[in-house]
Amino acid sequence: MKSLLIVSFCLASPLLHADPLPSWNDNAPKKAIIDFVQRVTTAGSPDYVTPAERIATFDNDGCLWCEQPMYFQAFFAFDSIKRMAPQHPEWKDQEPFASVLKGDMKAALAGGEKALVGMLMATHSGMTTEEFENSVTDWLATAKHPKTGKPFTEMVYQPMLELLAYLRANDFKTFIVSGGGIEFMRPWTEKVYGIPPEQVVGSSGGLKYELRDGMPVIVKTPELNHNDDKEGKPVGIQRHIGRRPIAAFGNSDGDFQMLEWTTSGKGARFGLIIHHTDAEREYAYDRESHIGKLDKGLDEAPKRGWTIVSMKDDWRTIFPEK
């Protein structure tokens, strides 16, 4: 029996000490993450946090998946506009539709994610939520990233997939809190990230209940109810989650208020910013970028004790390997 116990322990030991974040280099950010998780999950620790309060929030664009050369939701919106243009001749003279049809994507996105959500509402208002979900799913099944040729759902960050799994293995509940459209993300986040639709917070348009052919449906209407960016992120967290997170992860100044709100609470807190520094394996951008601008966050992170991750230096792998 004693020999059997020794053999069993030896077989189990590698599993007990398996690296939870194998795509992360053994640098300061990885150590900070593991240290934080150990402190808040170890019973008797002065920083112990009960499982019910282990809430972690993640931005999506540029944090969980790539956001260059433009938001992936923008590709979806632009493809929808081009497909529907024959039924809307007035779009030739209306912005931002005119810029989309001319191929001037920079001008079309000048209004940021708010303008993008507005385009989606204009092109998809009147659809039922089920019809919209199907349109997103169908588009993702065939759409490819213009640089890599990969499906957009394969442009996710392997280190962040590992981080999500590591947190959930330690009884964290993981949420997406994104400026992107909530109805755009919900159809696929569970399959790609393991985050179910009820744990997705995002910008939202109007909805109404009605009967169509005697059947109850929820219909999209053309107004913006909530812009889940910048100051809107803590508001979205309060509305949808009802608990202040103890950990928040982002990559741009649009995430600043979410990290500020999270890390200003009592007890152990963790804030992390992904800095896009790898032009060879992904993209390099920060202060001057029109997508995912990171300026204030870079300056404030060291003062506030937030961890900055350099993609180039801290990640062994960027995208999942097939």
C-alpha atoms as a PDB file:
ATOM      1  CA  MET A   1       0.000   0.000   0.000  1.00  0.00           C
ATOM      2  CA  LYS A   2       2.845   2.373   0.893  1.00  0.00           C
ATOM      3  CA  SER A   3       4.502   1.729  -2.491  1.00  0.00           C
ATOM      4  CA  LEU A   4       1.206   2.369  -4.267  1.00  0.00           C
ATOM      5  CA  LEU A   5       0.824   5.723  -2.500  1.00  0.00           C
ATOM      6  CA  ILE A   6       4.359   6.741  -3.463  1.00  0.00           C
ATOM      7  CA  VAL A   7       3.769   5.823  -7.112  1.00  0.00           C
ATOM      8  CA  SER A   8       0.445   7.673  -7.129  1.00  0.00           C
ATOM      9  CA  PHE A   9       2.063  10.785  -5.659  1.00  0.00           C
ATOM     10  CA  CYS A  10       4.866  10.701  -8.225  1.00  0.00           C
ATOM     11  CA  LEU A  11       2.380  10.426 -11.071  1.00  0.00           C
ATOM     12  CA  ALA A  12       0.276  13.263  -9.692  1.00  0.00           C
ATOM     13  CA  SER A  13       3.179  15.611  -8.910  1.00  0.00           C
ATOM     14  CA  PRO A  14       3.691  16.891 -12.485  1.00  0.00           C
ATOM     15  CA  LEU A  15      -0.016  17.696 -12.689  1.00  0.00           C
ATOM     16  CA  LEU A  16       0.079  19.555  -9.390  1.00  0.00           C
ATOM     17  CA  HIS A  17       2.960  21.698 -10.636  1.00  0.00           C
ATOM     18  CA  ALA A  18       1.910  22.079 -14.274  1.00  0.00           C
ATOM     19  CA  ASP A  19       2.445  25.579 -15.627  1.00  0.00           C
ATOM     20  CA  PRO A  20      -1.008  27.225 -15.788  1.00  0.00           C
ATOM     21  CA  LEU A  21       0.248  29.870 -18.240  1.00  0.00           C
ATOM     22  CA  PRO A  22       2.634  28.064 -20.627  1.00  0.00           C
ATOM     23  CA  SER A  23       2.417  30.714 -23.377  1.00  0.00           C
ATOM     24  CA  TRP A  24       3.633  33.403 -20.972  1.00  0.00           C
ATOM     25  CA  ASN A  25       7.348  34.000 -20.503  1.00  0.00           C
ATOM     26  CA  ASP A  26       8.553  33.756 -16.916  1.00  0.00           C
ATOM     27  CA  ASN A  27       8.662  37.518 -16.508  1.00  0.00           C
ATOM     28  CA  ALA A  28       7.172  39.937 -13.997  1.00  0.00           C
ATOM     29  CA  PRO A  29       3.590  39.994 -15.435  1.00  0.00           C
ATOM     30  CA  LYS A  30       3.191  36.215 -15.223  1.00  0.00           C
ATOM     31  CA  LYS A  31       4.569  36.183 -11.693  1.00  0.00           C
ATOM     32  CA  ALA A  32       2.255  39.034 -10.687  1.00  0.00           C
ATOM     33  CA  ILE A  33      -0.808  37.178 -12.005  1.00  0.00           C
ATOM     34  CA  ILE A  34       0.047  33.928 -10.227  1.00  0.00           C
ATOM     35  CA  ASP A  35       0.945  35.737  -7.008  1.00  0.00           C
ATOM     36  CA  PHE A  36      -2.372  37.600  -7.010  1.00  0.00           C
ATOM     37  CA  VAL A  37      -4.411  34.462  -7.670  1.00  0.00           C
ATOM     38  CA  GLN A  38      -2.611  32.547  -4.931  1.00  0.00           C
ATOM     39  CA  ARG A  39      -3.107  35.352  -2.413  1.00  0.00           C
ATOM     40  CA  VAL A  40      -6.850  35.742  -3.001  1.00  0.00           C
ATOM     41  CA  THR A  41      -7.607  32.006  -3.161  1.00  0.00           C
ATOM     42  CA  THR A  42      -5.548  30.710  -0.222  1.00  0.00           C
ATOM     43  CA  ALA A  43      -7.696  30.216   2.865  1.00  0.00           C
ATOM     44  CA  GLY A  44      -6.175  32.013   5.836  1.00  0.00           C
ATOM     45  CA  SER A  45      -4.386  34.539   3.638  1.00  0.00           C
ATOM     46  CA  PRO A  46      -4.964  38.175   4.669  1.00  0.00           C
ATOM     47  CA  ASP A  47      -5.956  38.813   1.037  1.00  0.00           C
ATOM     48  CA  TYR A  48      -8.366  35.860   0.780  1.00  0.00           C
ATOM     49  CA  VAL A  49     -11.494  36.566  -1.286  1.00  0.00           C
ATOM     50  CA  THR A  50     -14.545  34.316  -1.210  1.00  0.00           C
ATOM     51  CA  PRO A  51     -15.393  32.608  -4.531  1.00  0.00           C
ATOM     52  CA  ALA A  52     -18.602  34.635  -4.889  1.00  0.00           C
ATOM     53  CA  GLU A  53     -16.549  37.838  -5.031  1.00  0.00           C
ATOM     54  CA  ARG A  54     -13.903  36.573  -7.450  1.00  0.00           C
ATOM     55  CA  ILE A  55     -15.076  38.602 -10.426  1.00  0.00           C
ATOM     56  CA  ALA A  56     -12.689  39.281 -13.320  1.00  0.00           C
ATOM     57  CA  THR A  57     -13.581  41.511 -16.271  1.00  0.00           C
ATOM     58  CA  PHE A  58     -11.932  41.531 -19.688  1.00  0.00           C
ATOM     59  CA  ASP A  59     -12.117  43.923 -22.579  1.00  0.00           C
ATOM     60  CA  ASN A  60     -12.524  42.062 -25.865  1.00  0.00           C
ATOM     61  CA  ASP A  61     -11.039  44.025 -28.784  1.00  0.00           C
ATOM     62  CA  GLY A  62      -7.262  44.113 -28.449  1.00  0.00           C
ATOM     63  CA  CYS A  63      -7.372  42.240 -25.150  1.00  0.00           C
ATOM     64  CA  LEU A  64      -8.856  38.837 -25.979  1.00  0.00           C
ATOM     65  CA  TRP A  65      -8.678  39.026 -29.768  1.00  0.00           C
ATOM     66  CA  CYS A  66      -6.934  41.217 -32.326  1.00  0.00           C
ATOM     67  CA  GLU A  67      -8.420  44.619 -33.198  1.00  0.00           C
ATOM     68  CA  GLN A  68      -6.283  45.621 -36.180  1.00  0.00           C
ATOM     69  CA  PRO A  69      -6.408  46.860 -38.879  1.00  0.00           C
ATOM     70  CA  MET A  70      -9.868  47.770 -37.557  1.00  0.00           C
ATOM     71  CA  TYR A  71     -12.416  46.382 -35.129  1.00  0.00           C
ATOM     72  CA  PHE A  72     -13.667  43.016 -36.367  1.00  0.00           C
ATOM     73  CA  GLN A  73     -17.208  44.163 -35.738  1.00  0.00           C
ATOM     74  CA  ALA A  74     -16.498  46.921 -38.269  1.00  0.00           C
ATOM     75  CA  PHE A  75     -15.722  44.320 -40.942  1.00  0.00           C
ATOM     76  CA  PHE A  76     -19.102  42.765 -40.177  1.00  0.00           C
ATOM     77  CA  ALA A  77     -20.866  46.130 -40.337  1.00  0.00           C
ATOM     78  CA  PHE A  78     -19.147  47.152 -43.573  1.00  0.00           C
ATOM     79  CA  ASP A  79     -19.930  43.840 -45.248  1.00  0.00           C
ATOM     80  CA  SER A  80     -23.554  44.272 -44.183  1.00  0.00           C
ATOM     81  CA  ILE A  81     -23.683  47.807 -45.610  1.00  0.00           C
ATOM     82  CA  LYS A  82     -22.217  46.710 -48.941  1.00  0.00           C
ATOM     83  CA  ARG A  83     -24.632  43.793 -49.147  1.00  0.00           C
ATOM     84  CA  MET A  84     -27.647  45.967 -48.382  1.00  0.00           C
ATOM     85  CA  ALA A  85     -26.605  49.050 -50.407  1.00  0.00           C
ATOM     86  CA  PRO A  86     -28.758  48.248 -53.482  1.00  0.00           C
ATOM     87  CA  GLN A  87     -31.854  48.567 -51.270  1.00  0.00           C
ATOM     88  CA  HIS A  88     -30.608  51.894 -49.836  1.00  0.00           C
ATOM     89  CA  PRO A  89     -29.551  54.299 -52.616  1.00  0.00           C
ATOM     90  CA  GLU A  90     -29.654  57.168 -50.092  1.00  0.00           C
ATOM     91  CA  TRP A  91     -26.537  55.764 -48.398  1.00  0.00           C
ATOM     92  CA  LYS A  92     -24.379  57.107 -51.241  1.00  0.00           C
ATOM     93  CA  ASP A  93     -24.815  60.582 -49.736  1.00  0.00           C
ATOM     94  CA  GLN A  94     -25.096  59.711 -46.033  1.00  0.00           C
ATOM     95  CA  GLU A  95     -22.175  59.328 -43.649  1.00  0.00           C
ATOM     96  CA  PRO A  96     -20.719  57.045 -42.496  1.00  0.00           C
ATOM     97  CA  PHE A  97     -22.327  54.819 -45.140  1.00  0.00           C
ATOM     98  CA  ALA A  98     -20.912  56.880 -48.022  1.00  0.00           C
ATOM     99  CA  SER A  99     -17.362  56.430 -46.709  1.00  0.00           C
ATOM    100  CA  VAL A 100     -17.886  52.680 -46.370  1.00  0.00           C
ATOM    101  CA  LEU A 101     -19.126  52.405 -49.955  1.00  0.00           C
ATOM    102  CA  LYS A 102     -16.138  54.480 -51.145  1.00  0.00           C
ATOM    103  CA  GLY A 103     -13.750  52.208 -49.252  1.00  0.00           C
ATOM    104  CA  ASP A 104     -12.615  55.002 -46.905  1.00  0.00           C
ATOM    105  CA  MET A 105     -12.626  52.954 -43.719  1.00  0.00           C
ATOM    106  CA  LYS A 106     -10.711  55.517 -41.651  1.00  0.00           C
ATOM    107  CA  ALA A 107     -13.365  58.173 -42.283  1.00  0.00           C
ATOM    108  CA  ALA A 108     -16.142  55.670 -41.629  1.00  0.00           C
ATOM    109  CA  LEU A 109     -14.668  54.864 -38.218  1.00  0.00           C
ATOM    110  CA  ALA A 110     -13.879  58.451 -37.245  1.00  0.00           C
ATOM    111  CA  GLY A 111     -16.693  58.322 -34.693  1.00  0.00           C
ATOM    112  CA  GLY A 112     -15.186  55.323 -32.885  1.00  0.00           C
ATOM    113  CA  GLU A 113     -17.128  52.373 -31.509  1.00  0.00           C
ATOM    114  CA  LYS A 114     -20.199  54.546 -30.962  1.00  0.00           C
ATOM    115  CA  ALA A 115     -20.385  55.216 -34.717  1.00  0.00           C
ATOM    116  CA  LEU A 116     -19.803  51.537 -35.389  1.00  0.00           C
ATOM    117  CA  VAL A 117     -22.659  50.485 -33.138  1.00  0.00           C
ATOM    118  CA  GLY A 118     -24.776  53.131 -34.872  1.00  0.00           C
ATOM    119  CA  MET A 119     -24.049  51.554 -38.260  1.00  0.00           C
ATOM    120  CA  LEU A 120     -25.021  48.163 -36.937  1.00  0.00           C
ATOM    121  CA  MET A 121     -28.262  49.503 -35.534  1.00  0.00           C
ATOM    122  CA  ALA A 122     -29.098  51.236 -38.807  1.00  0.00           C
ATOM    123  CA  THR A 123     -28.410  48.136 -40.892  1.00  0.00           C
ATOM    124  CA  HIS A 124     -29.998  45.602 -38.556  1.00  0.00           C
ATOM    125  CA  SER A 125     -32.887  47.424 -36.884  1.00  0.00           C
ATOM    126  CA  GLY A 126     -36.125  45.574 -37.446  1.00  0.00           C
ATOM    127  CA  MET A 127     -34.390  42.205 -37.224  1.00  0.00           C
ATOM    128  CA  THR A 128     -35.298  39.843 -34.444  1.00  0.00           C
ATOM    129  CA  THR A 129     -32.481  39.009 -32.057  1.00  0.00           C
ATOM    130  CA  GLU A 130     -32.513  35.464 -33.433  1.00  0.00           C
ATOM    131  CA  GLU A 131     -32.138  36.734 -37.007  1.00  0.00           C
ATOM    132  CA  PHE A 132     -29.258  38.978 -35.957  1.00  0.00           C
ATOM    133  CA  GLU A 133     -27.541  36.125 -34.119  1.00  0.00           C
ATOM    134  CA  ASN A 134     -27.797  33.997 -37.255  1.00  0.00           C
ATOM    135  CA  SER A 135     -26.329  36.791 -39.393  1.00  0.00           C
ATOM    136  CA  VAL A 136     -23.327  37.094 -37.055  1.00  0.00           C
ATOM    137  CA  THR A 137     -22.797  33.328 -36.947  1.00  0.00           C
ATOM    138  CA  ASP A 138     -23.062  32.995 -40.735  1.00  0.00           C
ATOM    139  CA  TRP A 139     -20.600  35.844 -41.280  1.00  0.00           C
ATOM    140  CA  LEU A 140     -18.033  34.435 -38.849  1.00  0.00           C
ATOM    141  CA  ALA A 141     -18.228  31.059 -40.587  1.00  0.00           C
ATOM    142  CA  THR A 142     -16.713  32.497 -43.782  1.00  0.00           C
ATOM    143  CA  ALA A 143     -15.070  35.864 -43.001  1.00  0.00           C
ATOM    144  CA  LYS A 144     -11.263  35.974 -42.887  1.00  0.00           C
ATOM    145  CA  HIS A 145      -8.742  38.401 -41.438  1.00  0.00           C
ATOM    146  CA  PRO A 146      -7.219  40.468 -44.293  1.00  0.00           C
ATOM    147  CA  LYS A 147      -3.605  40.031 -43.132  1.00  0.00           C
ATOM    148  CA  THR A 148      -3.439  36.444 -41.873  1.00  0.00           C
ATOM    149  CA  GLY A 149      -6.262  34.819 -43.827  1.00  0.00           C
ATOM    150  CA  LYS A 150      -7.427  33.159 -40.613  1.00  0.00           C
ATOM    151  CA  PRO A 151     -11.050  33.108 -39.465  1.00  0.00           C
ATOM    152  CA  PHE A 152     -11.601  36.001 -37.073  1.00  0.00           C
ATOM    153  CA  THR A 153     -12.357  33.578 -34.250  1.00  0.00           C
ATOM    154  CA  GLU A 154      -8.815  32.199 -34.610  1.00  0.00           C
ATOM    155  CA  MET A 155      -7.337  35.670 -34.117  1.00  0.00           C
ATOM    156  CA  VAL A 156      -7.681  35.251 -30.365  1.00  0.00           C
ATOM    157  CA  TYR A 157      -4.720  35.440 -28.003  1.00  0.00           C
ATOM    158  CA  GLN A 158      -3.515  32.087 -26.705  1.00  0.00           C
ATOM    159  CA  PRO A 159      -2.018  33.588 -23.507  1.00  0.00           C
ATOM    160  CA  MET A 160      -5.374  35.162 -22.668  1.00  0.00           C
ATOM    161  CA  LEU A 161      -7.234  31.892 -23.274  1.00  0.00           C
ATOM    162  CA  GLU A 162      -4.870  30.320 -20.742  1.00  0.00           C
ATOM    163  CA  LEU A 163      -5.464  33.165 -18.307  1.00  0.00           C
ATOM    164  CA  LEU A 164      -9.243  32.779 -18.556  1.00  0.00           C
ATOM    165  CA  ALA A 165      -8.937  29.041 -17.894  1.00  0.00           C
ATOM    166  CA  TYR A 166      -6.529  29.611 -14.990  1.00  0.00           C
ATOM    167  CA  LEU A 167      -8.865  32.070 -13.306  1.00  0.00           C
ATOM    168  CA  ARG A 168     -11.904  29.823 -13.740  1.00  0.00           C
ATOM    169  CA  ALA A 169      -9.934  26.874 -12.335  1.00  0.00           C
ATOM    170  CA  ASN A 170      -9.505  29.042  -9.235  1.00  0.00           C
ATOM    171  CA  ASP A 171     -13.227  29.805  -8.920  1.00  0.00           C
ATOM    172  CA  PHE A 172     -13.202  33.179 -10.648  1.00  0.00           C
ATOM    173  CA  LYS A 173     -16.200  34.170 -12.715  1.00  0.00           C
ATOM    174  CA  THR A 174     -14.990  35.753 -15.958  1.00  0.00           C
ATOM    175  CA  PHE A 175     -16.904  38.485 -17.793  1.00  0.00           C
ATOM    176  CA  ILE A 176     -16.381  40.377 -21.025  1.00  0.00           C
ATOM    177  CA  VAL A 177     -16.879  44.139 -20.650  1.00  0.00           C
ATOM    178  CA  SER A 178     -16.416  45.610 -24.113  1.00  0.00           C
ATOM    179  CA  GLY A 179     -17.279  48.673 -26.152  1.00  0.00           C
ATOM    180  CA  GLY A 180     -18.397  46.293 -28.885  1.00  0.00           C
ATOM    181  CA  GLY A 181     -22.023  45.401 -29.437  1.00  0.00           C
ATOM    182  CA  ILE A 182     -23.412  43.020 -26.854  1.00  0.00           C
ATOM    183  CA  GLU A 183     -25.584  41.219 -29.414  1.00  0.00           C
ATOM    184  CA  PHE A 184     -22.608  40.867 -31.767  1.00  0.00           C
ATOM    185  CA  MET A 185     -20.467  39.114 -29.136  1.00  0.00           C
ATOM    186  CA  ARG A 186     -22.961  36.856 -27.408  1.00  0.00           C
ATOM    187  CA  PRO A 187     -23.435  34.334 -30.261  1.00  0.00           C
ATOM    188  CA  TRP A 188     -19.812  33.140 -30.162  1.00  0.00           C
ATOM    189  CA  THR A 189     -18.065  34.038 -26.873  1.00  0.00           C
ATOM    190  CA  GLU A 190     -18.981  30.803 -25.108  1.00  0.00           C
ATOM    191  CA  LYS A 191     -17.522  28.649 -27.880  1.00  0.00           C
ATOM    192  CA  VAL A 192     -14.376  30.759 -28.283  1.00  0.00           C
ATOM    193  CA  TYR A 193     -13.647  31.926 -24.713  1.00  0.00           C
ATOM    194  CA  GLY A 194     -15.821  29.762 -22.488  1.00  0.00           C
ATOM    195  CA  ILE A 195     -17.741  32.909 -21.474  1.00  0.00           C
ATOM    196  CA  PRO A 196     -21.522  32.384 -21.726  1.00  0.00           C
ATOM    197  CA  PRO A 197     -23.797  35.111 -23.132  1.00  0.00           C
ATOM    198  CA  GLU A 198     -25.113  36.128 -19.716  1.00  0.00           C
ATOM    199  CA  GLN A 199     -21.529  37.081 -18.758  1.00  0.00           C
ATOM    200  CA  VAL A 200     -21.060  39.452 -21.694  1.00  0.00           C
ATOM    201  CA  VAL A 201     -21.435  43.203 -21.136  1.00  0.00           C
ATOM    202  CA  GLY A 202     -21.271  45.523 -24.132  1.00  0.00           C
ATOM    203  CA  SER A 203     -22.776  48.456 -25.964  1.00  0.00           C
ATOM    204  CA  SER A 204     -26.452  47.909 -26.581  1.00  0.00           C
ATOM    205  CA  GLY A 205     -29.169  49.218 -28.841  1.00  0.00           C
ATOM    206  CA  GLY A 206     -32.889  49.296 -28.323  1.00  0.00           C
ATOM    207  CA  LEU A 207     -35.045  46.198 -28.111  1.00  0.00           C
ATOM    208  CA  LYS A 208     -38.787  45.677 -28.109  1.00  0.00           C
ATOM    209  CA  TYR A 209     -41.134  42.760 -27.635  1.00  0.00           C
ATOM    210  CA  GLU A 210     -43.778  42.056 -30.256  1.00  0.00           C
ATOM    211  CA  LEU A 211     -45.754  39.296 -31.934  1.00  0.00           C
ATOM    212  CA  ARG A 212     -44.940  38.264 -35.497  1.00  0.00           C
ATOM    213  CA  ASP A 213     -47.279  35.789 -37.115  1.00  0.00           C
ATOM    214  CA  GLY A 214     -48.581  35.042 -33.650  1.00  0.00           C
ATOM    215  CA  MET A 215     -45.123  34.229 -32.279  1.00  0.00           C
ATOM    216  CA  PRO A 216     -43.366  36.335 -29.607  1.00  0.00           C
ATOM    217  CA  VAL A 217     -40.036  37.842 -30.680  1.00  0.00           C
ATOM    218  CA  ILE A 218     -37.526  40.439 -29.489  1.00  0.00           C
ATOM    219  CA  VAL A 219     -36.822  43.034 -32.193  1.00  0.00           C
ATOM    220  CA  LYS A 220     -33.810  45.340 -32.559  1.00  0.00           C
ATOM    221  CA  THR A 221     -34.643  49.059 -32.714  1.00  0.00           C
ATOM    222  CA  PRO A 222     -32.399  51.891 -34.003  1.00  0.00           C
ATOM    223  CA  GLU A 223     -31.323  53.684 -30.836  1.00  0.00           C
ATOM    224  CA  LEU A 224     -28.253  53.439 -28.626  1.00  0.00           C
ATOM    225  CA  ASN A 225     -29.179  52.501 -25.073  1.00  0.00           C
ATOM    226  CA  HIS A 226     -25.691  52.200 -23.605  1.00  0.00           C
ATOM    227  CA  ASN A 227     -22.188  52.950 -24.895  1.00  0.00           C
ATOM    228  CA  ASP A 228     -20.024  50.513 -22.934  1.00  0.00           C
ATOM    229  CA  ASP A 229     -16.742  52.360 -23.361  1.00  0.00           C
ATOM    230  CA  LYS A 230     -14.638  54.520 -21.030  1.00  0.00           C
ATOM    231  CA  GLU A 231     -16.952  55.841 -18.270  1.00  0.00           C
ATOM    232  CA  GLY A 232     -19.648  53.519 -19.570  1.00  0.00           C
ATOM    233  CA  LYS A 233     -17.751  50.396 -18.531  1.00  0.00           C
ATOM    234  CA  PRO A 234     -18.125  50.769 -14.741  1.00  0.00           C
ATOM    235  CA  VAL A 235     -21.787  51.656 -15.334  1.00  0.00           C
ATOM    236  CA  GLY A 236     -22.245  48.538 -17.450  1.00  0.00           C
ATOM    237  CA  ILE A 237     -20.552  46.449 -14.767  1.00  0.00           C
ATOM    238  CA  GLN A 238     -22.905  47.765 -12.111  1.00  0.00           C
ATOM    239  CA  ARG A 239     -25.993  47.244 -14.276  1.00  0.00           C
ATOM    240  CA  HIS A 240     -25.169  43.744 -15.480  1.00  0.00           C
ATOM    241  CA  ILE A 241     -22.920  42.222 -12.814  1.00  0.00           C
ATOM    242  CA  GLY A 242     -23.796  44.043  -9.598  1.00  0.00           C
ATOM    243  CA  ARG A 243     -20.393  43.402  -8.002  1.00  0.00           C
ATOM    244  CA  ARG A 244     -17.191  45.378  -8.331  1.00  0.00           C
ATOM    245  CA  PRO A 245     -14.533  43.157  -9.958  1.00  0.00           C
ATOM    246  CA  ILE A 246     -11.335  42.348  -8.108  1.00  0.00           C
ATOM    247  CA  ALA A 247      -9.390  42.005 -11.370  1.00  0.00           C
ATOM    248  CA  ALA A 248      -9.700  43.843 -14.679  1.00  0.00           C
ATOM    249  CA  PHE A 249      -7.847  43.394 -17.958  1.00  0.00           C
ATOM    250  CA  GLY A 250      -7.701  45.795 -20.897  1.00  0.00           C
ATOM    251  CA  ASN A 251      -5.433  47.261 -23.547  1.00  0.00           C
ATOM    252  CA  SER A 252      -6.509  50.824 -24.290  1.00  0.00           C
ATOM    253  CA  ASP A 253      -7.542  54.105 -22.722  1.00  0.00           C
ATOM    254  CA  GLY A 254     -11.110  52.969 -23.331  1.00  0.00           C
ATOM    255  CA  ASP A 255     -10.509  50.506 -20.487  1.00  0.00           C
ATOM    256  CA  PHE A 256      -9.002  53.053 -18.105  1.00  0.00           C
ATOM    257  CA  GLN A 257     -12.133  53.693 -16.051  1.00  0.00           C
ATOM    258  CA  MET A 258     -12.824  49.957 -15.721  1.00  0.00           C
ATOM    259  CA  LEU A 259      -9.354  49.398 -14.268  1.00  0.00           C
ATOM    260  CA  GLU A 260      -9.668  52.510 -12.107  1.00  0.00           C
ATOM    261  CA  TRP A 261     -13.046  51.363 -10.735  1.00  0.00           C
ATOM    262  CA  THR A 262     -11.802  47.841 -10.115  1.00  0.00           C
ATOM    263  CA  THR A 263      -8.539  48.693  -8.380  1.00  0.00           C
ATOM    264  CA  SER A 264      -9.965  51.441  -6.162  1.00  0.00           C
ATOM    265  CA  GLY A 265     -12.020  48.933  -4.171  1.00  0.00           C
ATOM    266  CA  LYS A 266     -11.090  47.507  -0.785  1.00  0.00           C
ATOM    267  CA  GLY A 267      -8.833  44.492  -0.397  1.00  0.00           C
ATOM    268  CA  ALA A 268      -6.568  42.825  -2.943  1.00  0.00           C
ATOM    269  CA  ARG A 269      -7.065  44.163  -6.473  1.00  0.00           C
ATOM    270  CA  PHE A 270      -5.405  43.576  -9.828  1.00  0.00           C
ATOM    271  CA  GLY A 271      -5.269  45.653 -12.996  1.00  0.00           C
ATOM    272  CA  LEU A 272      -3.475  44.628 -16.183  1.00  0.00           C
ATOM    273  CA  ILE A 273      -2.909  46.341 -19.534  1.00  0.00           C
ATOM    274  CA  ILE A 274      -1.891  44.533 -22.722  1.00  0.00           C
ATOM    275  CA  HIS A 275       0.630  46.690 -24.622  1.00  0.00           C
ATOM    276  CA  HIS A 276       0.783  45.884 -28.336  1.00  0.00           C
ATOM    277  CA  THR A 277       4.531  45.895 -28.991  1.00  0.00           C
ATOM    278  CA  ASP A 278       4.987  43.039 -31.465  1.00  0.00           C
ATOM    279  CA  ALA A 279       4.904  44.309 -35.050  1.00  0.00           C
ATOM    280  CA  GLU A 280       6.268  41.017 -36.373  1.00  0.00           C
ATOM    281  CA  ARG A 281       3.829  38.551 -34.807  1.00  0.00           C
ATOM    282  CA  GLU A 282       0.846  40.911 -34.467  1.00  0.00           C
ATOM    283  CA  TYR A 283       0.821  44.741 -34.530  1.00  0.00           C
ATOM    284  CA  ALA A 284       2.696  47.474 -32.654  1.00  0.00           C
ATOM    285  CA  TYR A 285       0.702  50.543 -31.616  1.00  0.00           C
ATOM    286  CA  ASP A 286      -0.184  52.711 -28.635  1.00  0.00           C
ATOM    287  CA  ARG A 287      -0.290  56.507 -28.222  1.00  0.00           C
ATOM    288  CA  GLU A 288      -1.014  57.546 -31.813  1.00  0.00           C
ATOM    289  CA  SER A 289      -3.276  54.711 -32.911  1.00  0.00           C
ATOM    290  CA  HIS A 290      -6.823  55.463 -34.067  1.00  0.00           C
ATOM    291  CA  ILE A 291      -7.767  51.942 -32.934  1.00  0.00           C
ATOM    292  CA  GLY A 292      -7.032  50.920 -29.348  1.00  0.00           C
ATOM    293  CA  LYS A 293      -5.177  54.104 -28.392  1.00  0.00           C
ATOM    294  CA  LEU A 294      -3.096  53.623 -25.248  1.00  0.00           C
ATOM    295  CA  ASP A 295      -1.708  56.880 -23.882  1.00  0.00           C
ATOM    296  CA  LYS A 296      -3.019  57.792 -20.443  1.00  0.00           C
ATOM    297  CA  GLY A 297      -2.963  54.146 -19.400  1.00  0.00           C
ATOM    298  CA  LEU A 298       0.756  53.840 -20.168  1.00  0.00           C
ATOM    299  CA  ASP A 299       1.530  56.868 -18.021  1.00  0.00           C
ATOM    300  CA  GLU A 300      -0.775  56.013 -15.141  1.00  0.00           C
ATOM    301  CA  ALA A 301      -0.262  52.248 -14.853  1.00  0.00           C
ATOM    302  CA  PRO A 302       3.053  52.387 -12.927  1.00  0.00           C
ATOM    303  CA  LYS A 303       1.647  54.993 -10.519  1.00  0.00           C
ATOM    304  CA  ARG A 304      -1.425  52.874  -9.815  1.00  0.00           C
ATOM    305  CA  GLY A 305       0.326  49.530  -9.500  1.00  0.00           C
ATOM    306  CA  TRP A 306      -1.181  48.103 -12.675  1.00  0.00           C
ATOM    307  CA  THR A 307       0.741  45.425 -14.544  1.00  0.00           C
ATOM    308  CA  ILE A 308       1.768  46.159 -18.139  1.00  0.00           C
ATOM    309  CA  VAL A 309       2.249  43.197 -20.470  1.00  0.00           C
ATOM    310  CA  SER A 310       4.522  43.616 -23.473  1.00  0.00           C
ATOM    311  CA  MET A 311       3.324  41.228 -26.168  1.00  0.00           C
ATOM    312  CA  LYS A 312       6.813  41.066 -27.659  1.00  0.00           C
ATOM    313  CA  ASP A 313       8.639  40.380 -24.408  1.00  0.00           C
ATOM    314  CA  ASP A 314       6.102  38.577 -22.236  1.00  0.00           C
ATOM    315  CA  TRP A 315       4.250  36.231 -24.602  1.00  0.00           C
ATOM    316  CA  ARG A 316       5.890  33.168 -26.122  1.00  0.00           C
ATOM    317  CA  THR A 317       2.956  32.665 -28.455  1.00  0.00           C
ATOM    318  CA  ILE A 318       0.375  35.126 -29.762  1.00  0.00           C
ATOM    319  CA  PHE A 319      -2.267  33.066 -31.550  1.00  0.00           C
ATOM    320  CA  PRO A 320      -3.327  29.441 -30.996  1.00  0.00           C
ATOM    321  CA  GLU A 321      -1.315  26.967 -33.022  1.00  0.00           C
ATOM    322  CA  LYS A 322      -3.284  24.453 -35.044  1.00  0.00           C
END
